PDB file of N, CA and C in Angstrom:
ATOM      1  N   MET A   1    -238.432 -22.570 119.976  1.00  0.00           N
ATOM      2  CA  MET A   1    -238.892 -24.329 119.469  1.00  0.00           C
ATOM      3  C   MET A   1    -237.772 -24.711 120.826  1.00  0.00           C
ATOM      4  N   ARG A   2    -238.528 -26.010 121.080  1.00  0.00           N
ATOM      5  CA  ARG A   2    -237.626 -26.871 122.248  1.00  0.00           C
ATOM      6  C   ARG A   2    -237.967 -28.419 121.299  1.00  0.00           C
ATOM      7  N   ARG A   3    -236.561 -29.082 121.515  1.00  0.00           N
ATOM      8  CA  ARG A   3    -236.973 -30.319 121.080  1.00  0.00           C
ATOM      9  C   ARG A   3    -235.954 -31.296 122.223  1.00  0.00           C
ATOM     10  N   GLY A   4    -236.196 -32.709 122.095  1.00  0.00           N
ATOM     11  CA  GLY A   4    -235.617 -33.262 123.446  1.00  0.00           C
ATOM     12  C   GLY A   4    -235.958 -34.742 123.387  1.00  0.00           C
ATOM     13  N   VAL A   5    -234.506 -35.334 123.947  1.00  0.00           N
ATOM     14  CA  VAL A   5    -234.769 -36.899 124.198  1.00  0.00           C
ATOM     15  C   VAL A   5    -234.714 -37.335 125.613  1.00  0.00           C
ATOM     16  N   SER A   6    -235.038 -38.292 126.257  1.00  0.00           N
ATOM     17  CA  SER A   6    -234.539 -38.722 127.225  1.00  0.00           C
ATOM     18  C   SER A   6    -234.752 -40.558 127.234  1.00  0.00           C
ATOM     19  N   GLY A   7    -234.150 -41.253 128.296  1.00  0.00           N
ATOM     20  CA  GLY A   7    -234.359 -42.325 128.279  1.00  0.00           C
ATOM     21  C   GLY A   7    -233.510 -42.677 129.679  1.00  0.00           C
ATOM     22  N   GLN A   8    -233.301 -44.330 129.898  1.00  0.00           N
ATOM     23  CA  GLN A   8    -232.652 -44.693 130.702  1.00  0.00           C
ATOM     24  C   GLN A   8    -231.766 -45.659 130.246  1.00  0.00           C
ATOM     25  N   THR A   9    -230.780 -45.647 130.965  1.00  0.00           N
ATOM     26  CA  THR A   9    -229.372 -46.845 130.891  1.00  0.00           C
ATOM     27  C   THR A   9    -229.882 -48.095 131.519  1.00  0.00           C
ATOM     28  N   VAL A  10    -228.872 -49.107 130.929  1.00  0.00           N
ATOM     29  CA  VAL A  10    -229.308 -50.331 131.451  1.00  0.00           C
ATOM     30  C   VAL A  10    -229.656 -50.670 133.147  1.00  0.00           C
ATOM     31  N   ASN A  11    -228.714 -49.876 133.921  1.00  0.00           N
ATOM     32  CA  ASN A  11    -228.951 -50.116 135.083  1.00  0.00           C
ATOM     33  C   ASN A  11    -230.048 -49.289 135.940  1.00  0.00           C
ATOM     34  N   GLY A  12    -230.929 -48.192 134.887  1.00  0.00           N
ATOM     35  CA  GLY A  12    -232.134 -47.395 135.157  1.00  0.00           C
ATOM     36  C   GLY A  12    -231.649 -46.202 135.416  1.00  0.00           C
ATOM     37  N   LEU A  13    -230.566 -45.842 135.204  1.00  0.00           N
ATOM     38  CA  LEU A  13    -230.037 -44.445 135.420  1.00  0.00           C
ATOM     39  C   LEU A  13    -230.669 -43.318 134.569  1.00  0.00           C
ATOM     40  N   PRO A  14    -231.799 -42.558 134.688  1.00  0.00           N
ATOM     41  CA  PRO A  14    -232.432 -41.553 134.030  1.00  0.00           C
ATOM     42  C   PRO A  14    -231.509 -40.350 133.115  1.00  0.00           C
ATOM     43  N   MET A  15    -231.639 -40.366 132.067  1.00  0.00           N
ATOM     44  CA  MET A  15    -230.862 -39.454 131.041  1.00  0.00           C
ATOM     45  C   MET A  15    -231.560 -38.613 130.160  1.00  0.00           C
ATOM     46  N   GLY A  16    -231.201 -37.259 129.953  1.00  0.00           N
ATOM     47  CA  GLY A  16    -232.137 -36.606 128.788  1.00  0.00           C
ATOM     48  C   GLY A  16    -231.038 -35.776 128.188  1.00  0.00           C
ATOM     49  N   ALA A  17    -231.402 -35.349 126.865  1.00  0.00           N
ATOM     50  CA  ALA A  17    -230.762 -34.269 126.273  1.00  0.00           C
ATOM     51  C   ALA A  17    -231.786 -33.531 125.789  1.00  0.00           C
ATOM     52  N   GLY A  18    -231.360 -31.968 125.495  1.00  0.00           N
ATOM     53  CA  GLY A  18    -232.596 -31.162 124.924  1.00  0.00           C
ATOM     54  C   GLY A  18    -232.024 -29.674 124.341  1.00  0.00           C
ATOM     55  N   ILE A  19    -232.787 -29.076 123.281  1.00  0.00           N
ATOM     56  CA  ILE A  19    -232.239 -28.206 122.862  1.00  0.00           C
ATOM     57  C   ILE A  19    -233.235 -27.112 122.876  1.00  0.00           C
ATOM     58  N   THR A  20    -232.891 -25.774 123.234  1.00  0.00           N
ATOM     59  CA  THR A  20    -234.097 -24.660 122.951  1.00  0.00           C
ATOM     60  C   THR A  20    -233.502 -23.653 121.984  1.00  0.00           C
ATOM     61  N   GLN A  21    -234.352 -23.259 121.188  1.00  0.00           N
ATOM     62  CA  GLN A  21    -233.747 -22.363 120.070  1.00  0.00           C
ATOM     63  C   GLN A  21    -234.879 -21.023 120.315  1.00  0.00           C
ATOM     64  N   THR A  22    -234.540 -19.819 119.860  1.00  0.00           N
ATOM     65  CA  THR A  22    -235.554 -18.625 120.382  1.00  0.00           C
ATOM     66  C   THR A  22    -234.580 -17.623 119.195  1.00  0.00           C
ATOM     67  N   ARG A  23    -235.607 -16.813 118.628  1.00  0.00           N
ATOM     68  CA  ARG A  23    -235.125 -16.219 117.608  1.00  0.00           C
ATOM     69  C   ARG A  23    -235.891 -14.498 118.060  1.00  0.00           C
ATOM     70  N   THR A  24    -234.760 -13.516 118.298  1.00  0.00           N
ATOM     71  CA  THR A  24    -235.151 -12.071 118.889  1.00  0.00           C
ATOM     72  C   THR A  24    -235.143 -11.151 117.770  1.00  0.00           C
ATOM     73  N   TYR A  25    -236.089 -10.330 117.685  1.00  0.00           N
ATOM     74  CA  TYR A  25    -236.007  -8.960 116.600  1.00  0.00           C
ATOM     75  C   TYR A  25    -235.511  -7.975 117.600  1.00  0.00           C
ATOM     76  N   ASN A  26    -234.881  -6.867 116.722  1.00  0.00           N
ATOM     77  CA  ASN A  26    -234.309  -5.652 117.554  1.00  0.00           C
ATOM     78  C   ASN A  26    -234.403  -4.512 116.598  1.00  0.00           C
ATOM     79  N   ASN A  27    -235.339  -3.500 117.167  1.00  0.00           N
ATOM     80  CA  ASN A  27    -234.994  -2.623 116.159  1.00  0.00           C
ATOM     81  C   ASN A  27    -234.155  -1.624 116.090  1.00  0.00           C
ATOM     82  N   VAL A  28    -233.138  -1.556 116.828  1.00  0.00           N
ATOM     83  CA  VAL A  28    -232.034  -0.480 117.143  1.00  0.00           C
ATOM     84  C   VAL A  28    -231.197  -0.823 115.830  1.00  0.00           C
ATOM     85  N   ILE A  29    -230.590   0.594 115.336  1.00  0.00           N
ATOM     86  CA  ILE A  29    -230.101   0.959 114.128  1.00  0.00           C
ATOM     87  C   ILE A  29    -228.595   0.195 114.426  1.00  0.00           C
ATOM     88  N   ILE A  30    -228.035   0.183 115.246  1.00  0.00           N
ATOM     89  CA  ILE A  30    -226.302  -0.351 115.517  1.00  0.00           C
ATOM     90  C   ILE A  30    -226.599  -1.733 115.572  1.00  0.00           C
ATOM     91  N   ASN A  31    -227.555  -2.461 115.657  1.00  0.00           N
ATOM     92  CA  ASN A  31    -227.629  -3.969 115.793  1.00  0.00           C
ATOM     93  C   ASN A  31    -227.526  -4.304 114.642  1.00  0.00           C
ATOM     94  N   SER A  32    -226.376  -4.801 114.115  1.00  0.00           N
ATOM     95  CA  SER A  32    -226.240  -5.605 112.671  1.00  0.00           C
ATOM     96  C   SER A  32    -226.650  -6.741 112.524  1.00  0.00           C
ATOM     97  N   PHE A  33    -227.167  -7.456 113.634  1.00  0.00           N
ATOM     98  CA  PHE A  33    -227.622  -8.763 113.559  1.00  0.00           C
ATOM     99  C   PHE A  33    -229.201  -8.808 113.935  1.00  0.00           C
ATOM    100  N   ASN A  34    -230.224  -8.612 113.048  1.00  0.00           N
ATOM    101  CA  ASN A  34    -231.514  -8.550 113.214  1.00  0.00           C
ATOM    102  C   ASN A  34    -232.389  -9.272 111.976  1.00  0.00           C
ATOM    103  N   PRO A  35    -232.902 -10.691 112.563  1.00  0.00           N
ATOM    104  CA  PRO A  35    -233.044 -11.046 113.861  1.00  0.00           C
ATOM    105  C   PRO A  35    -231.770 -12.074 114.219  1.00  0.00           C
ATOM    106  N   TYR A  36    -231.841 -12.043 115.540  1.00  0.00           N
ATOM    107  CA  TYR A  36    -230.535 -12.939 115.812  1.00  0.00           C
ATOM    108  C   TYR A  36    -231.196 -14.112 116.683  1.00  0.00           C
ATOM    109  N   TYR A  37    -230.510 -15.159 116.623  1.00  0.00           N
ATOM    110  CA  TYR A  37    -230.875 -16.578 117.250  1.00  0.00           C
ATOM    111  C   TYR A  37    -230.031 -16.924 118.160  1.00  0.00           C
ATOM    112  N   GLN A  38    -230.631 -17.407 119.470  1.00  0.00           N
ATOM    113  CA  GLN A  38    -230.097 -18.122 120.770  1.00  0.00           C
ATOM    114  C   GLN A  38    -230.192 -19.486 120.792  1.00  0.00           C
ATOM    115  N   ALA A  39    -229.300 -20.341 120.918  1.00  0.00           N
ATOM    116  CA  ALA A  39    -229.729 -21.659 121.272  1.00  0.00           C
ATOM    117  C   ALA A  39    -229.210 -22.201 122.374  1.00  0.00           C
ATOM    118  N   THR A  40    -229.603 -22.884 123.138  1.00  0.00           N
ATOM    119  CA  THR A  40    -229.482 -23.488 124.750  1.00  0.00           C
ATOM    120  C   THR A  40    -229.680 -25.038 124.774  1.00  0.00           C
ATOM    121  N   LEU A  41    -228.222 -25.507 125.038  1.00  0.00           N
ATOM    122  CA  LEU A  41    -228.168 -27.143 124.878  1.00  0.00           C
ATOM    123  C   LEU A  41    -228.380 -27.584 126.329  1.00  0.00           C
ATOM    124  N   ASN A  42    -229.127 -28.731 126.834  1.00  0.00           N
ATOM    125  CA  ASN A  42    -229.489 -29.093 128.172  1.00  0.00           C
ATOM    126  C   ASN A  42    -228.923 -30.495 128.137  1.00  0.00           C
ATOM    127  N   LEU A  43    -228.563 -30.898 129.025  1.00  0.00           N
ATOM    128  CA  LEU A  43    -227.762 -31.948 129.440  1.00  0.00           C
ATOM    129  C   LEU A  43    -227.940 -32.720 130.766  1.00  0.00           C
ATOM    130  N   SER A  44    -228.720 -33.852 131.190  1.00  0.00           N
ATOM    131  CA  SER A  44    -229.357 -33.959 132.478  1.00  0.00           C
ATOM    132  C   SER A  44    -229.004 -35.331 132.805  1.00  0.00           C
ATOM    133  N   VAL A  45    -228.627 -35.867 133.944  1.00  0.00           N
ATOM    134  CA  VAL A  45    -227.902 -36.876 134.412  1.00  0.00           C
ATOM    135  C   VAL A  45    -228.796 -37.446 135.980  1.00  0.00           C
ATOM    136  N   THR A  46    -229.466 -37.995 136.192  1.00  0.00           N
ATOM    137  CA  THR A  46    -229.871 -38.108 137.738  1.00  0.00           C
ATOM    138  C   THR A  46    -229.656 -39.696 137.987  1.00  0.00           C
ATOM    139  N   GLN A  47    -228.864 -39.436 139.197  1.00  0.00           N
ATOM    140  CA  GLN A  47    -228.404 -40.565 140.034  1.00  0.00           C
ATOM    141  C   GLN A  47    -229.348 -40.684 141.018  1.00  0.00           C
ATOM    142  N   PRO A  48    -230.185 -41.301 141.653  1.00  0.00           N
ATOM    143  CA  PRO A  48    -230.995 -41.667 142.498  1.00  0.00           C
ATOM    144  C   PRO A  48    -230.180 -42.241 143.758  1.00  0.00           C
ATOM    145  N   LEU A  49    -229.553 -41.316 144.612  1.00  0.00           N
ATOM    146  CA  LEU A  49    -228.522 -41.735 145.330  1.00  0.00           C
ATOM    147  C   LEU A  49    -229.110 -42.674 146.904  1.00  0.00           C
ATOM    148  N   LEU A  50    -230.290 -42.478 147.050  1.00  0.00           N
ATOM    149  CA  LEU A  50    -230.811 -43.284 148.242  1.00  0.00           C
ATOM    150  C   LEU A  50    -232.051 -44.446 148.106  1.00  0.00           C
ATOM    151  N   LYS A  51    -231.901 -44.716 146.920  1.00  0.00           N
ATOM    152  CA  LYS A  51    -232.546 -45.756 146.037  1.00  0.00           C
ATOM    153  C   LYS A  51    -232.444 -46.953 146.548  1.00  0.00           C
ATOM    154  N   ASN A  52    -233.150 -47.918 147.177  1.00  0.00           N
ATOM    155  CA  ASN A  52    -233.107 -48.876 147.735  1.00  0.00           C
ATOM    156  C   ASN A  52    -232.329 -48.937 149.127  1.00  0.00           C
ATOM    157  N   ALA A  53    -232.041 -47.619 149.592  1.00  0.00           N
ATOM    158  CA  ALA A  53    -231.303 -47.649 150.703  1.00  0.00           C
ATOM    159  C   ALA A  53    -232.140 -48.518 152.172  1.00  0.00           C
ATOM    160  N   GLY A  54    -231.283 -48.806 153.069  1.00  0.00           N
ATOM    161  CA  GLY A  54    -232.677 -49.549 154.041  1.00  0.00           C
ATOM    162  C   GLY A  54    -232.768 -50.665 153.889  1.00  0.00           C
ATOM    163  N   MET A  55    -233.811 -51.020 154.560  1.00  0.00           N
ATOM    164  CA  MET A  55    -234.240 -52.765 154.763  1.00  0.00           C
ATOM    165  C   MET A  55    -235.502 -52.508 153.505  1.00  0.00           C
ATOM    166  N   ASN A  56    -235.816 -53.803 153.117  1.00  0.00           N
ATOM    167  CA  ASN A  56    -236.576 -54.240 152.057  1.00  0.00           C
ATOM    168  C   ASN A  56    -237.760 -54.345 152.754  1.00  0.00           C
ATOM    169  N   PRO A  57    -239.297 -53.798 152.709  1.00  0.00           N
ATOM    170  CA  PRO A  57    -240.435 -53.725 153.552  1.00  0.00           C
ATOM    171  C   PRO A  57    -240.949 -55.147 153.560  1.00  0.00           C
ATOM    172  N   ILE A  58    -240.676 -55.906 152.451  1.00  0.00           N
ATOM    173  CA  ILE A  58    -241.131 -57.339 152.545  1.00  0.00           C
ATOM    174  C   ILE A  58    -240.400 -58.184 153.656  1.00  0.00           C
ATOM    175  N   ASN A  59    -238.843 -57.835 153.671  1.00  0.00           N
ATOM    176  CA  ASN A  59    -237.808 -58.103 154.559  1.00  0.00           C
ATOM    177  C   ASN A  59    -238.354 -58.191 156.143  1.00  0.00           C
ATOM    178  N   ILE A  60    -238.617 -56.975 156.443  1.00  0.00           N
ATOM    179  CA  ILE A  60    -239.142 -56.178 157.542  1.00  0.00           C
ATOM    180  C   ILE A  60    -240.770 -56.878 158.169  1.00  0.00           C
ATOM    181  N   SER A  61    -241.460 -57.206 156.947  1.00  0.00           N
ATOM    182  CA  SER A  61    -242.741 -57.732 157.419  1.00  0.00           C
ATOM    183  C   SER A  61    -242.772 -59.424 158.140  1.00  0.00           C
ATOM    184  N   LEU A  62    -241.434 -59.919 157.205  1.00  0.00           N
ATOM    185  CA  LEU A  62    -241.174 -61.418 157.288  1.00  0.00           C
ATOM    186  C   LEU A  62    -240.463 -61.464 159.015  1.00  0.00           C
ATOM    187  N   ASN A  63    -239.859 -60.362 159.308  1.00  0.00           N
ATOM    188  CA  ASN A  63    -239.134 -60.486 160.378  1.00  0.00           C
ATOM    189  C   ASN A  63    -240.061 -60.518 161.654  1.00  0.00           C
ATOM    190  N   TRP A  64    -241.192 -59.712 161.611  1.00  0.00           N
ATOM    191  CA  TRP A  64    -241.895 -59.058 162.847  1.00  0.00           C
ATOM    192  C   TRP A  64    -242.579 -60.350 163.081  1.00  0.00           C
ATOM    193  N   GLN A  65    -243.239 -61.300 161.925  1.00  0.00           N
ATOM    194  CA  GLN A  65    -244.234 -62.436 162.173  1.00  0.00           C
ATOM    195  C   GLN A  65    -243.586 -63.351 162.835  1.00  0.00           C
TER     196      GLN A  65
END
């Protein structure tokens, strides 16, 4: 099962959070936890380092005219 949310901060920084849960069955006699559950939490923040780097294409076209 997967669940998650994502969004952007005020300055445009994308971020997200999610959780994945799995259920595992095992037929081994010595395993006292049958079934057992495993959950994984994922957090992500992406910062575009080169966004808006360099000259603006509109300024370049105006300088060439």
